[in-house]
Amino acid sequence: MSWLLLGYDVESGEPDSPVTRQFIEALRHAHGEHDAPGTLFLRGQTLEANVEAIRSTMADGLFDYGQHTWSHVLFKTLWQVNDEGERIIPGGSVEQIATEVDRAQSAIRELLGVESIALTTPWGCYRGLGDRPDLLAIVHMAGIRIVRSWFRNEHDWVPVPLERQPFCYVAQGFGDIMEFPGGGRHDCDWGNRLGFEPRAFENVEDYAEYVASQLDTIAAEDWAFVYNQHDTTTMRWDPGMVVVRRLIERAHELRVRVGLYREYYREYCEERRAAEGEV
C-alpha cells in the first residue's frame, strides 16, 4: 500500500509572533476540508508559547503530536555543500541533546496530556541516526519509536531519493525505532527560490503541482511519501496551504492512503509480528 505521511515542524522561535497561531488556523482548515490526518512535530518552546492554539487541534481528531526538541538543537554537525558554497552548521553535544529531548517530551505530556512517540530532528542529516547509536539510545529511553532524521543527501543538502524508504535501526540494536526518510524536495528553500534546483517555479501553484507529481512514483511503487513543511515557511510563502491541499487531492485521486506516522508504524509492527509467528 502506498502512503502520504504529512508532517509539520512547528518551530517558530519568536514567542510573541502570531506565525504559529496563524499556521494552526490554516492547517485546521486545509486538513478539515479533506478530513485528512497529519502529525505536528512540536518544538517545546513553540508549544509553550502557543499552547491554546495547538491544543485546539485536538478537537479535530485528525492530528498526532511528536516533538522537535526543546529549542531546536541539531543532532549532528552538518557539512553542507550546494550551489551557494560550503558551510558548517554545528550540532549539539550528547548531553545537550538528551536534555532537549527529555524537556520536549515533558512539555508535550504536561501541556497536551499525550505521550509522544515521534521526533523530527532539527535540520535533519545524511544517513539519519544510523551512525549514532548513542543518540538512538537517548531517543529510545525517552520513549521515541518514530524518527524523521534522514532529510539530507551526501552533501547534507536535498533532495533525498524517493526510494529511500522507512526502515528500522536493526543493525544499531534498536529494531523498534523506525526511521522515516524525507524524500524529494520540500519547503525549506522557498525564501530564495520556489522549490529547489534543477527547476525554478513561477508560483506556488506550479510548485504544488510539481510536489504532488511525486506521488505518481509513490503510487506506482507502493512506497511512502514522507512530506515535511514548516509553520514559518508556510505562512511566508503559502498561507493558503496550496501545496498541502494539492498533495491531499492527488493522493485521493491515486488512492494513496493519507495517514499518520503512528499508524504506519503500528501496521508495520503488526505485520512483522505476524510474519515472525509464521516462522
Protein backbone atom coordinates (compact mmCIF):
# COMPACT_ATOMS: atom_id res chain seq x y z
CA MET A 1 0.00 0.00 0.00
CA SER A 2 1.23 3.50 -0.81
CA TRP A 3 1.11 6.24 1.83
CA LEU A 4 1.23 10.02 2.08
CA LEU A 5 2.55 10.96 5.52
CA LEU A 6 2.09 14.67 6.20
CA GLY A 7 4.24 16.16 8.95
CA TYR A 8 4.80 19.71 10.14
CA ASP A 9 7.69 21.18 12.06
CA VAL A 10 6.05 23.73 14.34
CA GLU A 11 9.09 25.68 15.39
CA SER A 12 8.64 29.46 15.28
CA GLY A 13 11.29 30.84 17.63
CA GLU A 14 9.60 34.13 18.46
CA PRO A 15 7.26 33.69 21.46
CA ASP A 16 5.20 36.81 20.71
CA SER A 17 4.95 36.18 16.97
CA PRO A 18 1.49 35.29 15.57
CA VAL A 19 3.04 32.98 12.94
CA THR A 20 2.36 29.68 14.68
CA ARG A 21 -1.20 30.63 15.60
CA GLN A 22 -1.90 31.71 12.02
CA PHE A 23 -0.39 28.46 10.78
CA ILE A 24 -2.55 26.36 13.09
CA GLU A 25 -5.68 28.07 11.78
CA ALA A 26 -4.65 27.46 8.15
CA LEU A 27 -3.68 23.88 8.95
CA ARG A 28 -7.01 23.07 10.55
CA HIS A 29 -8.90 24.45 7.54
CA ALA A 30 -6.78 22.56 4.98
CA HIS A 31 -6.96 19.23 6.78
CA GLY A 32 -10.54 19.63 7.93
CA GLU A 33 -11.84 20.23 4.42
CA HIS A 34 -10.38 16.91 3.31
CA ASP A 35 -10.77 15.02 6.60
CA ALA A 36 -7.06 14.25 6.30
CA PRO A 37 -4.78 13.31 9.20
CA GLY A 38 -1.40 14.90 9.89
CA THR A 39 1.33 14.99 12.52
CA LEU A 40 2.65 18.07 14.32
CA PHE A 41 6.29 17.90 15.38
CA LEU A 42 6.45 20.49 18.12
CA ARG A 43 9.42 22.49 19.27
CA GLY A 44 8.96 22.65 23.04
CA GLN A 45 9.45 26.41 23.28
CA THR A 46 6.94 26.97 20.48
CA LEU A 47 4.38 24.75 22.16
CA GLU A 48 4.82 26.59 25.44
CA ALA A 49 4.23 29.95 23.74
CA ASN A 50 1.18 28.75 21.75
CA VAL A 51 -0.48 26.20 24.00
CA GLU A 52 -4.10 27.16 23.40
CA ALA A 53 -3.78 27.32 19.62
CA ILE A 54 -2.03 23.95 19.41
CA ARG A 55 -4.38 22.39 21.95
CA SER A 56 -7.34 23.46 19.79
CA THR A 57 -6.27 20.96 17.12
CA MET A 58 -7.07 18.12 19.48
CA ALA A 59 -10.79 18.74 18.99
CA ASP A 60 -10.48 17.86 15.29
CA GLY A 61 -9.45 14.26 15.88
CA LEU A 62 -7.12 14.43 12.86
CA PHE A 63 -3.73 15.15 14.37
CA ASP A 64 -0.99 13.31 16.19
CA TYR A 65 1.80 15.02 18.14
CA GLY A 66 5.52 14.44 18.00
CA GLN A 67 8.43 16.55 19.16
CA HIS A 68 11.09 18.68 17.51
CA THR A 69 13.38 19.07 20.57
CA TRP A 70 13.01 21.86 23.10
CA SER A 71 14.99 24.68 21.43
CA HIS A 72 15.96 23.30 18.01
CA VAL A 73 19.43 21.90 18.72
CA LEU A 74 20.90 19.88 15.83
CA PHE A 75 21.66 16.22 16.49
CA LYS A 76 24.67 16.13 14.16
CA THR A 77 27.04 18.69 12.70
CA LEU A 78 26.25 19.33 9.03
CA TRP A 79 28.80 19.89 6.29
CA GLN A 80 26.51 21.43 3.71
CA VAL A 81 27.64 21.66 0.08
CA ASN A 82 25.38 23.22 -2.56
CA ASP A 83 25.43 25.78 -5.36
CA GLU A 84 25.92 28.54 -2.79
CA GLY A 85 29.16 27.01 -1.47
CA GLU A 86 30.04 25.15 1.72
CA ARG A 87 29.18 25.77 5.33
CA ILE A 88 29.32 24.02 8.67
CA ILE A 89 26.29 24.01 10.97
CA PRO A 90 27.34 22.73 14.42
CA GLY A 91 25.40 20.04 16.21
CA GLY A 92 24.79 19.81 19.93
CA SER A 93 26.63 17.72 22.50
CA VAL A 94 25.22 14.37 23.64
CA GLU A 95 24.32 15.99 26.96
CA GLN A 96 22.50 18.86 25.24
CA ILE A 97 20.54 16.52 23.02
CA ALA A 98 19.46 14.33 25.93
CA THR A 99 18.20 17.40 27.79
CA GLU A 100 16.45 18.75 24.68
CA VAL A 101 14.61 15.50 24.02
CA ASP A 102 13.55 14.95 27.63
CA ARG A 103 12.37 18.52 28.08
CA ALA A 104 10.30 18.44 24.89
CA GLN A 105 8.74 15.11 25.90
CA SER A 106 7.76 16.58 29.25
CA ALA A 107 6.24 19.68 27.64
CA ILE A 108 4.01 17.62 25.33
CA ARG A 109 2.96 15.37 28.20
CA GLU A 110 2.19 18.23 30.59
CA LEU A 111 0.68 20.74 28.17
CA LEU A 112 -1.24 18.43 25.82
CA GLY A 113 -1.75 15.38 28.01
CA VAL A 114 -0.43 12.96 25.38
CA GLU A 115 2.58 10.70 25.19
CA SER A 116 4.70 11.40 22.12
CA ILE A 117 6.48 8.54 20.36
CA ALA A 118 7.73 10.58 17.39
CA LEU A 119 10.56 13.03 16.80
CA THR A 120 11.89 15.11 13.92
CA THR A 121 15.50 16.16 14.37
CA PRO A 122 16.19 19.84 13.56
CA TRP A 123 17.52 20.27 10.01
CA GLY A 124 17.83 16.50 9.51
CA CYS A 125 21.06 14.90 8.33
CA TYR A 126 22.60 12.36 5.98
CA ARG A 127 22.09 8.68 6.91
CA GLY A 128 19.74 9.68 9.71
CA LEU A 129 20.94 8.41 13.09
CA GLY A 130 22.36 5.20 11.64
CA ASP A 131 25.92 6.20 12.54
CA ARG A 132 24.95 7.46 16.01
CA PRO A 133 23.71 4.58 18.19
CA ASP A 134 24.45 6.79 21.21
CA LEU A 135 21.73 9.20 20.06
CA LEU A 136 19.38 6.35 19.23
CA ALA A 137 19.80 5.21 22.83
CA ILE A 138 18.76 8.66 24.06
CA VAL A 139 15.59 8.82 21.98
CA HIS A 140 14.74 5.20 22.82
CA MET A 141 15.00 5.87 26.53
CA ALA A 142 12.67 8.85 26.09
CA GLY A 143 10.02 6.59 24.55
CA ILE A 144 10.56 7.67 20.94
CA ARG A 145 9.91 4.95 18.37
CA ILE A 146 9.39 7.07 15.23
CA VAL A 147 12.22 9.26 13.95
CA ARG A 148 12.41 11.62 10.98
CA SER A 149 16.09 12.49 10.66
CA TRP A 150 17.25 11.42 7.18
CA PHE A 151 16.27 14.62 5.37
CA ARG A 152 19.58 15.25 3.59
CA ASN A 153 21.76 13.59 0.98
CA GLU A 154 25.52 13.01 0.99
CA HIS A 155 26.07 16.76 0.64
CA ASP A 156 23.87 17.46 3.68
CA TRP A 157 21.50 19.04 1.17
CA VAL A 158 18.49 17.93 -0.86
CA PRO A 159 16.85 16.01 -2.37
CA VAL A 160 16.83 12.58 -0.74
CA PRO A 161 15.85 9.95 -3.34
CA LEU A 162 12.25 8.80 -3.09
CA GLU A 163 13.40 5.20 -2.99
CA ARG A 164 14.94 5.80 0.44
CA GLN A 165 12.00 4.31 2.32
CA PRO A 166 11.15 3.81 6.02
CA PHE A 167 13.30 1.25 7.83
CA CYS A 168 14.14 0.13 11.36
CA TYR A 169 17.52 0.57 13.05
CA VAL A 170 18.09 -3.16 13.45
CA ALA A 171 21.86 -3.19 12.86
CA GLN A 172 22.31 -0.49 15.50
CA GLY A 173 20.44 -2.55 18.11
CA PHE A 174 17.20 -0.54 18.01
CA GLY A 175 14.91 -2.61 15.82
CA ASP A 176 11.83 -0.99 17.36
CA ILE A 177 12.82 2.50 16.19
CA MET A 178 11.66 3.30 12.67
CA GLU A 179 13.30 5.97 10.52
CA PHE A 180 11.14 7.87 8.04
CA PRO A 181 13.46 9.49 5.48
CA GLY A 182 12.09 12.64 3.89
CA GLY A 183 12.24 12.02 0.15
CA GLY A 184 12.10 14.61 -2.58
CA ARG A 185 12.10 18.38 -2.23
CA HIS A 186 10.19 20.17 0.49
CA ASP A 187 9.60 23.73 1.55
CA CYS A 188 12.80 24.92 3.24
CA ASP A 189 14.29 26.91 0.36
CA TRP A 190 11.28 28.95 -0.71
CA GLY A 191 12.96 32.09 0.62
CA ASN A 192 15.48 32.03 -2.21
CA ARG A 193 13.53 30.34 -4.97
CA LEU A 194 10.24 28.49 -5.12
CA GLY A 195 11.50 24.96 -4.86
CA PHE A 196 14.98 23.62 -5.46
CA GLU A 197 17.21 23.24 -8.47
CA PRO A 198 17.33 21.93 -11.15
CA ARG A 199 13.99 23.63 -11.68
CA ALA A 200 12.69 27.02 -10.61
CA PHE A 201 8.95 27.68 -10.31
CA GLU A 202 6.87 30.66 -11.35
CA ASN A 203 4.39 30.49 -8.48
CA VAL A 204 3.16 28.34 -5.63
CA GLU A 205 0.57 26.58 -7.81
CA ASP A 206 3.32 25.47 -10.19
CA TYR A 207 5.42 24.23 -7.30
CA ALA A 208 2.44 22.45 -5.72
CA GLU A 209 1.82 20.51 -8.92
CA TYR A 210 5.50 19.51 -9.05
CA VAL A 211 5.48 18.23 -5.46
CA ALA A 212 2.19 16.38 -5.98
CA SER A 213 3.56 14.73 -9.14
CA GLN A 214 5.99 12.81 -6.96
CA LEU A 215 3.01 10.83 -5.73
CA ASP A 216 2.80 9.19 -9.17
CA THR A 217 6.02 7.32 -8.37
CA ILE A 218 4.90 6.63 -4.81
CA ALA A 219 1.63 5.08 -6.02
CA ALA A 220 3.31 3.02 -8.73
CA GLU A 221 5.89 1.56 -6.32
CA ASP A 222 3.67 1.19 -3.24
CA TRP A 223 6.01 3.47 -1.31
CA ALA A 224 5.54 6.07 1.41
CA PHE A 225 5.98 9.77 0.72
CA VAL A 226 7.32 11.45 3.86
CA TYR A 227 6.41 15.10 3.43
CA ASN A 228 7.59 17.90 5.71
CA GLN A 229 6.52 21.53 5.96
CA HIS A 230 7.19 24.31 8.49
CA ASP A 231 4.96 26.86 10.18
CA THR A 232 7.28 29.79 9.42
CA THR A 233 7.87 28.93 5.76
CA THR A 234 4.22 28.14 5.15
CA MET A 235 2.94 31.44 6.45
CA ARG A 236 5.52 33.37 4.46
CA TRP A 237 5.13 31.66 1.09
CA ASP A 238 1.98 29.54 1.11
CA PRO A 239 -0.51 30.82 3.73
CA GLY A 240 -3.37 29.18 1.83
CA MET A 241 -1.58 25.82 2.09
CA VAL A 242 -1.91 25.27 -1.64
CA VAL A 243 0.83 22.64 -1.66
CA VAL A 244 -0.70 20.53 1.09
CA ARG A 245 -4.19 20.76 -0.40
CA ARG A 246 -2.87 19.63 -3.78
CA LEU A 247 -0.96 16.75 -2.19
CA ILE A 248 -4.06 15.51 -0.42
CA GLU A 249 -6.18 15.83 -3.56
CA ARG A 250 -3.60 13.97 -5.66
CA ALA A 251 -3.32 11.25 -3.04
CA HIS A 252 -7.08 10.71 -3.17
CA GLU A 253 -7.01 10.63 -6.97
CA LEU A 254 -4.29 7.95 -6.93
CA ARG A 255 -5.76 6.02 -3.99
CA VAL A 256 -2.70 6.77 -1.89
CA ARG A 257 -3.53 6.47 1.79
CA VAL A 258 -3.17 9.69 3.76
CA GLY A 259 -2.21 8.53 7.23
CA LEU A 260 -0.29 9.12 10.42
CA TYR A 261 3.26 8.02 11.13
CA ARG A 262 1.93 6.25 14.19
CA GLU A 263 -0.47 4.23 12.01
CA TYR A 264 2.23 3.26 9.54
CA TYR A 265 4.50 2.18 12.39
CA ARG A 266 1.76 0.19 14.13
CA GLU A 267 0.78 -1.68 10.98
CA TYR A 268 4.43 -2.42 10.18
CA CYS A 269 4.95 -3.88 13.65
CA GLU A 270 1.79 -5.98 13.39
CA GLU A 271 2.89 -7.36 10.03
CA ARG A 272 6.35 -8.14 11.37
CA ARG A 273 4.94 -9.96 14.40
CA ALA A 274 2.61 -11.95 12.16
CA ALA A 275 5.49 -12.91 9.86
CA GLU A 276 7.66 -13.96 12.81
CA GLY A 277 4.80 -16.05 14.15
CA GLU A 278 4.63 -17.97 10.88
CA VAL A 279 8.29 -18.97 11.03
